[in-house]
Amino acid sequence: MPRKLTSTQIDYLQWIHAGNSIHFCTEVSNQLGQIVYSSPPTFKKNHRSIFNLLHSGYLSIKEEYSFGIRWAILFINQKGLRLLEGNNG
């Protein structure tokens, strides 16, 4: 039985679904582990919530390079979309 998501986790899914994105630096550099948002979230940020969504399979990763630095871009996948549809319906 899946555990219930927190309100922050739901906020993140809705925020990403609305067209925003989260970039996580995966390059061994002085930026390693840095999290950058495409626009400031309108809710309280919680990095653990992001990692739990990723671990639970609601987010997926696409890697891109920007100025030679590797970034993991987190996006909502089908499982996350189904969850949002279930919460709205």
N, C-alpha and C. Protein backbone atom coordinates (compact mmCIF):
# COMPACT_ATOMS: atom_id res chain seq x y z
N MET A 1 0.84 -1.18 0.00
CA MET A 1 0.00 0.00 0.00
C MET A 1 0.89 1.25 0.00
N PRO A 2 0.73 2.14 -0.97
CA PRO A 2 1.58 3.32 -1.02
C PRO A 2 1.28 4.27 0.13
N ARG A 3 2.32 4.92 0.61
CA ARG A 3 2.11 5.85 1.71
C ARG A 3 1.57 7.17 1.16
N LYS A 4 0.87 7.88 1.99
CA LYS A 4 0.27 9.15 1.59
C LYS A 4 1.35 10.21 1.41
N LEU A 5 1.20 11.01 0.36
CA LEU A 5 2.16 12.09 0.12
C LEU A 5 1.84 13.28 1.00
N THR A 6 2.87 14.04 1.33
CA THR A 6 2.68 15.25 2.12
C THR A 6 2.13 16.36 1.24
N SER A 7 1.63 17.41 1.87
CA SER A 7 1.11 18.54 1.09
C SER A 7 2.22 19.20 0.29
N THR A 8 3.45 19.21 0.82
CA THR A 8 4.58 19.78 0.08
C THR A 8 4.88 18.94 -1.17
N GLN A 9 4.81 17.62 -1.05
CA GLN A 9 5.05 16.77 -2.20
C GLN A 9 3.99 17.00 -3.28
N ILE A 10 2.74 17.12 -2.87
CA ILE A 10 1.66 17.41 -3.83
C ILE A 10 1.90 18.79 -4.46
N ASP A 11 2.30 19.76 -3.64
CA ASP A 11 2.61 21.10 -4.17
C ASP A 11 3.70 21.02 -5.24
N TYR A 12 4.76 20.25 -4.98
CA TYR A 12 5.83 20.10 -5.97
C TYR A 12 5.31 19.49 -7.26
N LEU A 13 4.51 18.44 -7.17
CA LEU A 13 3.98 17.80 -8.37
C LEU A 13 3.12 18.77 -9.17
N GLN A 14 2.26 19.51 -8.49
CA GLN A 14 1.41 20.48 -9.18
C GLN A 14 2.23 21.60 -9.80
N TRP A 15 3.26 22.04 -9.10
CA TRP A 15 4.12 23.12 -9.57
C TRP A 15 4.88 22.69 -10.82
N ILE A 16 5.42 21.47 -10.81
CA ILE A 16 6.14 20.95 -11.98
C ILE A 16 5.16 20.74 -13.13
N HIS A 17 3.99 20.21 -12.83
CA HIS A 17 2.97 19.98 -13.87
C HIS A 17 2.56 21.29 -14.53
N ALA A 18 2.63 22.39 -13.80
CA ALA A 18 2.27 23.72 -14.33
C ALA A 18 3.35 24.29 -15.23
N GLY A 19 4.43 23.56 -15.46
CA GLY A 19 5.47 24.02 -16.39
C GLY A 19 6.77 24.44 -15.76
N ASN A 20 6.89 24.31 -14.47
CA ASN A 20 8.15 24.66 -13.80
C ASN A 20 9.08 23.46 -13.77
N SER A 21 10.34 23.69 -13.43
CA SER A 21 11.29 22.58 -13.39
C SER A 21 12.30 22.75 -12.26
N ILE A 22 12.88 21.62 -11.90
CA ILE A 22 13.91 21.56 -10.86
C ILE A 22 15.17 21.01 -11.51
N HIS A 23 16.28 21.71 -11.33
CA HIS A 23 17.57 21.30 -11.88
C HIS A 23 18.49 20.97 -10.71
N PHE A 24 19.10 19.80 -10.76
CA PHE A 24 19.96 19.31 -9.68
C PHE A 24 21.34 19.03 -10.28
N CYS A 25 22.39 19.70 -9.78
CA CYS A 25 23.73 19.53 -10.33
C CYS A 25 24.31 18.17 -9.92
N THR A 26 24.71 17.38 -10.93
CA THR A 26 25.29 16.06 -10.69
C THR A 26 26.75 15.99 -11.11
N GLU A 27 27.31 17.10 -11.49
CA GLU A 27 28.72 17.16 -11.91
C GLU A 27 29.61 17.35 -10.69
N VAL A 28 30.70 16.61 -10.65
CA VAL A 28 31.67 16.79 -9.55
C VAL A 28 32.35 18.14 -9.79
N SER A 29 31.86 19.14 -9.08
CA SER A 29 32.35 20.51 -9.20
C SER A 29 31.94 21.25 -7.94
N ASN A 30 32.22 22.54 -7.91
CA ASN A 30 31.82 23.32 -6.74
C ASN A 30 30.30 23.51 -6.67
N GLN A 31 29.57 23.09 -7.72
CA GLN A 31 28.11 23.20 -7.74
C GLN A 31 27.42 21.86 -7.43
N LEU A 32 28.18 20.82 -7.16
CA LEU A 32 27.62 19.49 -6.92
C LEU A 32 26.53 19.55 -5.84
N GLY A 33 25.36 19.02 -6.17
CA GLY A 33 24.26 18.97 -5.23
C GLY A 33 23.39 20.21 -5.19
N GLN A 34 23.78 21.24 -5.92
CA GLN A 34 22.99 22.47 -5.93
C GLN A 34 21.65 22.23 -6.63
N ILE A 35 20.59 22.76 -6.05
CA ILE A 35 19.26 22.67 -6.64
C ILE A 35 18.84 24.06 -7.09
N VAL A 36 18.43 24.13 -8.37
CA VAL A 36 18.00 25.40 -8.96
C VAL A 36 16.57 25.23 -9.47
N TYR A 37 15.73 26.19 -9.17
CA TYR A 37 14.33 26.17 -9.61
C TYR A 37 14.16 27.09 -10.81
N SER A 38 13.31 26.70 -11.76
CA SER A 38 13.06 27.53 -12.93
C SER A 38 12.39 28.85 -12.54
N SER A 39 11.60 28.83 -11.50
CA SER A 39 11.03 30.02 -10.89
C SER A 39 10.80 29.69 -9.42
N PRO A 40 10.78 30.69 -8.57
CA PRO A 40 10.63 30.40 -7.14
C PRO A 40 9.29 29.73 -6.85
N PRO A 41 9.31 28.60 -6.13
CA PRO A 41 8.04 27.97 -5.75
C PRO A 41 7.24 28.89 -4.83
N THR A 42 5.93 28.77 -4.88
CA THR A 42 5.05 29.59 -4.05
C THR A 42 4.74 28.93 -2.71
N PHE A 43 5.44 27.85 -2.42
CA PHE A 43 5.25 27.10 -1.19
C PHE A 43 6.61 26.89 -0.54
N LYS A 44 6.60 26.39 0.68
CA LYS A 44 7.86 26.16 1.39
C LYS A 44 8.64 25.04 0.71
N LYS A 45 9.91 25.32 0.39
CA LYS A 45 10.77 24.32 -0.27
C LYS A 45 11.27 23.30 0.75
N ASN A 46 11.37 22.06 0.30
CA ASN A 46 11.87 21.00 1.15
C ASN A 46 12.56 19.98 0.26
N HIS A 47 13.89 19.95 0.31
CA HIS A 47 14.66 19.06 -0.56
C HIS A 47 14.34 17.60 -0.32
N ARG A 48 14.05 17.24 0.90
CA ARG A 48 13.72 15.85 1.20
C ARG A 48 12.45 15.42 0.45
N SER A 49 11.50 16.33 0.32
CA SER A 49 10.28 16.03 -0.43
C SER A 49 10.58 15.71 -1.88
N ILE A 50 11.52 16.44 -2.47
CA ILE A 50 11.91 16.20 -3.86
C ILE A 50 12.51 14.80 -3.98
N PHE A 51 13.44 14.48 -3.10
CA PHE A 51 14.10 13.18 -3.17
C PHE A 51 13.13 12.04 -2.91
N ASN A 52 12.17 12.23 -2.01
CA ASN A 52 11.17 11.20 -1.76
C ASN A 52 10.27 10.99 -2.97
N LEU A 53 9.90 12.06 -3.67
CA LEU A 53 9.12 11.92 -4.90
C LEU A 53 9.89 11.15 -5.96
N LEU A 54 11.17 11.45 -6.07
CA LEU A 54 12.02 10.75 -7.03
C LEU A 54 12.15 9.28 -6.66
N HIS A 55 12.41 9.03 -5.40
CA HIS A 55 12.58 7.65 -4.91
C HIS A 55 11.28 6.83 -5.06
N SER A 56 10.14 7.49 -4.85
CA SER A 56 8.85 6.81 -4.94
C SER A 56 8.38 6.64 -6.38
N GLY A 57 9.10 7.22 -7.33
CA GLY A 57 8.78 7.01 -8.74
C GLY A 57 7.79 8.00 -9.34
N TYR A 58 7.55 9.13 -8.70
CA TYR A 58 6.63 10.13 -9.24
C TYR A 58 7.35 11.13 -10.14
N LEU A 59 8.66 11.21 -10.03
CA LEU A 59 9.48 12.08 -10.87
C LEU A 59 10.49 11.23 -11.62
N SER A 60 10.91 11.71 -12.77
CA SER A 60 11.97 11.07 -13.54
C SER A 60 13.06 12.11 -13.82
N ILE A 61 14.19 11.61 -14.33
CA ILE A 61 15.35 12.47 -14.55
C ILE A 61 15.73 12.47 -16.02
N LYS A 62 16.07 13.66 -16.50
CA LYS A 62 16.67 13.81 -17.82
C LYS A 62 17.94 14.62 -17.60
N GLU A 63 19.07 14.13 -18.08
CA GLU A 63 20.32 14.86 -17.86
C GLU A 63 20.63 15.75 -19.05
N GLU A 64 21.12 16.94 -18.74
CA GLU A 64 21.54 17.91 -19.75
C GLU A 64 22.82 18.57 -19.27
N TYR A 65 23.56 19.10 -20.23
CA TYR A 65 24.77 19.83 -19.93
C TYR A 65 24.56 21.31 -20.21
N SER A 66 25.00 22.14 -19.29
CA SER A 66 24.93 23.58 -19.45
C SER A 66 26.30 24.15 -19.11
N PHE A 67 26.97 24.72 -20.10
CA PHE A 67 28.31 25.27 -19.93
C PHE A 67 29.28 24.22 -19.36
N GLY A 68 29.12 22.97 -19.82
CA GLY A 68 30.01 21.90 -19.41
C GLY A 68 29.69 21.27 -18.06
N ILE A 69 28.64 21.73 -17.42
CA ILE A 69 28.23 21.19 -16.12
C ILE A 69 27.00 20.31 -16.33
N ARG A 70 27.02 19.10 -15.77
CA ARG A 70 25.90 18.16 -15.92
C ARG A 70 24.82 18.45 -14.88
N TRP A 71 23.59 18.56 -15.36
CA TRP A 71 22.44 18.82 -14.51
C TRP A 71 21.39 17.75 -14.74
N ALA A 72 20.79 17.27 -13.67
CA ALA A 72 19.65 16.37 -13.75
C ALA A 72 18.41 17.24 -13.67
N ILE A 73 17.57 17.16 -14.69
CA ILE A 73 16.33 17.91 -14.71
C ILE A 73 15.21 16.96 -14.31
N LEU A 74 14.51 17.31 -13.27
CA LEU A 74 13.45 16.45 -12.75
C LEU A 74 12.13 16.84 -13.39
N PHE A 75 11.38 15.84 -13.85
CA PHE A 75 10.09 16.10 -14.46
C PHE A 75 9.08 15.07 -13.97
N ILE A 76 7.83 15.44 -14.04
CA ILE A 76 6.76 14.56 -13.59
C ILE A 76 6.53 13.48 -14.66
N ASN A 77 6.41 12.24 -14.22
CA ASN A 77 6.21 11.14 -15.15
C ASN A 77 4.75 10.67 -15.10
N GLN A 78 4.44 9.58 -15.80
CA GLN A 78 3.06 9.09 -15.87
C GLN A 78 2.49 8.72 -14.49
N LYS A 79 3.32 8.14 -13.65
CA LYS A 79 2.85 7.78 -12.30
C LYS A 79 2.46 9.04 -11.52
N GLY A 80 3.26 10.08 -11.63
CA GLY A 80 2.95 11.35 -10.97
C GLY A 80 1.71 11.99 -11.54
N LEU A 81 1.54 11.92 -12.86
CA LEU A 81 0.35 12.49 -13.49
C LEU A 81 -0.91 11.75 -13.05
N ARG A 82 -0.83 10.42 -12.97
CA ARG A 82 -1.98 9.63 -12.51
C ARG A 82 -2.36 10.01 -11.07
N LEU A 83 -1.35 10.22 -10.24
CA LEU A 83 -1.61 10.62 -8.86
C LEU A 83 -2.33 11.97 -8.82
N LEU A 84 -1.86 12.94 -9.61
CA LEU A 84 -2.52 14.24 -9.63
C LEU A 84 -3.95 14.15 -10.14
N GLU A 85 -4.17 13.33 -11.16
CA GLU A 85 -5.52 13.16 -11.70
C GLU A 85 -6.43 12.53 -10.62
N GLY A 86 -5.89 11.61 -9.85
CA GLY A 86 -6.66 10.98 -8.77
C GLY A 86 -7.01 11.95 -7.67
N ASN A 87 -6.09 12.90 -7.38
CA ASN A 87 -6.34 13.89 -6.33
C ASN A 87 -7.36 14.94 -6.78
N ASN A 88 -7.39 15.22 -8.08
CA ASN A 88 -8.31 16.24 -8.59
C ASN A 88 -9.68 15.67 -8.91
N GLY A 89 -9.76 14.34 -9.01
CA GLY A 89 -11.03 13.75 -9.43
C GLY A 89 -11.82 13.20 -8.35
